[in-house]
Amino acid sequence: MIAEVLVASLGEFANYGFKLVEADDHILELYFKEKCIARFNQNKVTIATIQDGCKNYLANIVRSI
């Protein structure tokens, strides 16, 4: 069930290669493909924050091209 919640938190970004991994009881890591791009406190992170992290990462990739 936790895995389903993590995927649901990503929304459409799950289709683009993003995933969330519970590093421990307090840390949630955001990955793009196999690269960790952000770490969050599980008790304070929101879905909007996670999705903003995905948007910002994609924007940076596009800018660097």
Protein backbone atom coordinates (compact mmCIF):
# COMPACT_ATOMS: atom_id res chain seq x y z
CA MET A 1 0.00 0.00 0.00
CA ILE A 2 2.86 2.42 0.75
CA ALA A 3 4.21 1.92 -2.79
CA GLU A 4 0.81 2.86 -4.23
CA VAL A 5 0.74 6.06 -2.15
CA LEU A 6 4.23 6.99 -3.33
CA VAL A 7 3.33 6.48 -6.99
CA ALA A 8 0.06 8.37 -6.54
CA SER A 9 2.00 11.29 -5.00
CA LEU A 10 4.01 11.61 -8.19
CA GLY A 11 0.92 11.81 -10.38
CA GLU A 12 1.79 12.06 -14.08
CA PHE A 13 5.50 12.36 -13.24
CA ALA A 14 5.63 8.62 -12.49
CA ASN A 15 5.28 8.12 -16.26
CA TYR A 16 8.37 10.25 -16.96
CA GLY A 17 10.85 8.22 -14.93
CA PHE A 18 10.41 9.71 -11.45
CA LYS A 19 10.06 7.53 -8.38
CA LEU A 20 9.96 7.95 -4.61
CA VAL A 21 11.96 5.75 -2.26
CA GLU A 22 11.73 5.59 1.52
CA ALA A 23 15.37 5.86 2.57
CA ASP A 24 14.42 5.34 6.23
CA ASP A 25 11.56 6.14 8.60
CA HIS A 26 12.05 9.88 8.19
CA ILE A 27 13.54 10.47 4.73
CA LEU A 28 11.85 10.23 1.35
CA GLU A 29 14.07 10.40 -1.73
CA LEU A 30 12.96 11.59 -5.16
CA TYR A 31 14.69 9.86 -8.08
CA PHE A 32 14.77 10.59 -11.77
CA LYS A 33 15.67 7.31 -13.41
CA GLU A 34 18.55 6.12 -11.18
CA LYS A 35 19.68 9.53 -9.90
CA CYS A 36 18.58 10.87 -6.51
CA ILE A 37 17.58 14.49 -7.14
CA ALA A 38 15.97 15.45 -3.80
CA ARG A 39 15.50 14.31 -0.21
CA PHE A 40 12.50 15.24 1.92
CA ASN A 41 11.44 14.93 5.55
CA GLN A 42 8.50 12.53 5.37
CA ASN A 43 6.67 14.32 8.18
CA LYS A 44 6.72 17.68 6.41
CA VAL A 45 6.68 16.99 2.67
CA THR A 46 3.53 17.62 0.65
CA ILE A 47 2.40 16.25 -2.68
CA ALA A 48 2.75 19.76 -4.14
CA THR A 49 6.38 19.93 -2.98
CA ILE A 50 7.18 16.56 -4.55
CA GLN A 51 5.55 17.50 -7.85
CA ASP A 52 7.28 20.90 -7.83
CA GLY A 53 10.59 19.05 -7.45
CA CYS A 54 9.76 17.01 -10.55
CA LYS A 55 8.74 20.11 -12.53
CA ASN A 56 11.88 21.99 -11.55
CA TYR A 57 14.13 19.08 -12.47
CA LEU A 58 12.53 18.73 -15.90
CA ALA A 59 12.80 22.49 -16.47
CA ASN A 60 16.52 22.36 -15.65
CA ILE A 61 17.07 19.47 -18.05
CA VAL A 62 15.35 21.34 -20.86
CA ARG A 63 17.33 24.52 -20.16
CA SER A 64 20.64 22.67 -20.34
CA ILE A 65 19.92 21.31 -23.83
